[in-house]
Amino acid sequence: MKECPMCGETMRLVTRDQADRVPGTGQTTTREVREWICPECDYWEEAENTEE
């Protein structure tokens, strides 16, 4: 659990896949991104590797 620094509501830890294009090629790579998201004010920040 984490508190939003903007509005004080409880933030949620969300995991999603992000596709990145490789410059100079037509290839894309996919990586897993973990973010803390506030459902009330749309504030977000990337989660640290040690946070769960």
Protein backbone atom coordinates (compact mmCIF):
# COMPACT_ATOMS: atom_id res chain seq x y z
CA MET A 1 0.00 0.00 0.00
CA LYS A 2 1.19 3.48 -0.85
CA GLU A 3 -0.38 6.91 -0.33
CA CYS A 4 -0.68 9.33 -3.24
CA PRO A 5 1.46 12.47 -2.65
CA MET A 6 -1.02 14.60 -4.63
CA CYS A 7 -4.40 13.76 -3.07
CA GLY A 8 -3.71 11.34 -0.18
CA GLU A 9 -5.74 8.40 -1.58
CA THR A 10 -4.46 4.82 -1.68
CA MET A 11 -2.49 3.99 -4.82
CA ARG A 12 -2.57 0.63 -6.65
CA LEU A 13 0.40 -1.34 -7.98
CA VAL A 14 -0.25 -2.18 -11.65
CA THR A 15 1.85 -4.40 -13.94
CA ARG A 16 1.62 -3.98 -17.72
CA ASP A 17 3.61 -4.79 -20.86
CA GLN A 18 5.23 -1.94 -22.78
CA ALA A 19 6.41 -2.30 -26.39
CA ASP A 20 9.51 -0.32 -27.36
CA ARG A 21 10.75 0.14 -30.93
CA VAL A 22 14.41 -0.59 -31.64
CA PRO A 23 15.89 2.42 -33.52
CA GLY A 24 17.11 1.64 -37.03
CA THR A 25 15.14 -1.60 -37.31
CA GLY A 26 11.53 -2.60 -37.62
CA GLN A 27 11.73 -4.68 -34.45
CA THR A 28 9.99 -4.08 -31.17
CA THR A 29 10.87 -5.37 -27.73
CA THR A 30 8.40 -5.92 -24.92
CA ARG A 31 9.17 -5.35 -21.25
CA GLU A 32 7.15 -5.55 -18.08
CA VAL A 33 6.53 -2.21 -16.35
CA ARG A 34 5.31 -1.86 -12.75
CA GLU A 35 3.67 1.43 -11.76
CA TRP A 36 1.89 2.89 -8.76
CA ILE A 37 -1.32 4.49 -10.04
CA CYS A 38 -3.78 6.69 -8.14
CA PRO A 39 -7.36 6.04 -9.35
CA GLU A 40 -8.59 9.39 -7.96
CA CYS A 41 -6.25 11.95 -9.54
CA ASP A 42 -4.40 9.93 -12.25
CA TYR A 43 -1.00 10.49 -10.60
CA TRP A 44 1.46 7.66 -11.33
CA GLU A 45 5.09 6.74 -10.73
CA GLU A 46 7.26 3.77 -11.63
CA ALA A 47 7.66 1.18 -8.89
CA GLU A 48 11.07 0.33 -7.51
CA ASN A 49 12.32 -3.23 -8.12
CA THR A 50 12.11 -3.93 -4.38
CA GLU A 51 8.51 -2.71 -3.93
CA GLU A 52 5.57 -5.11 -3.84
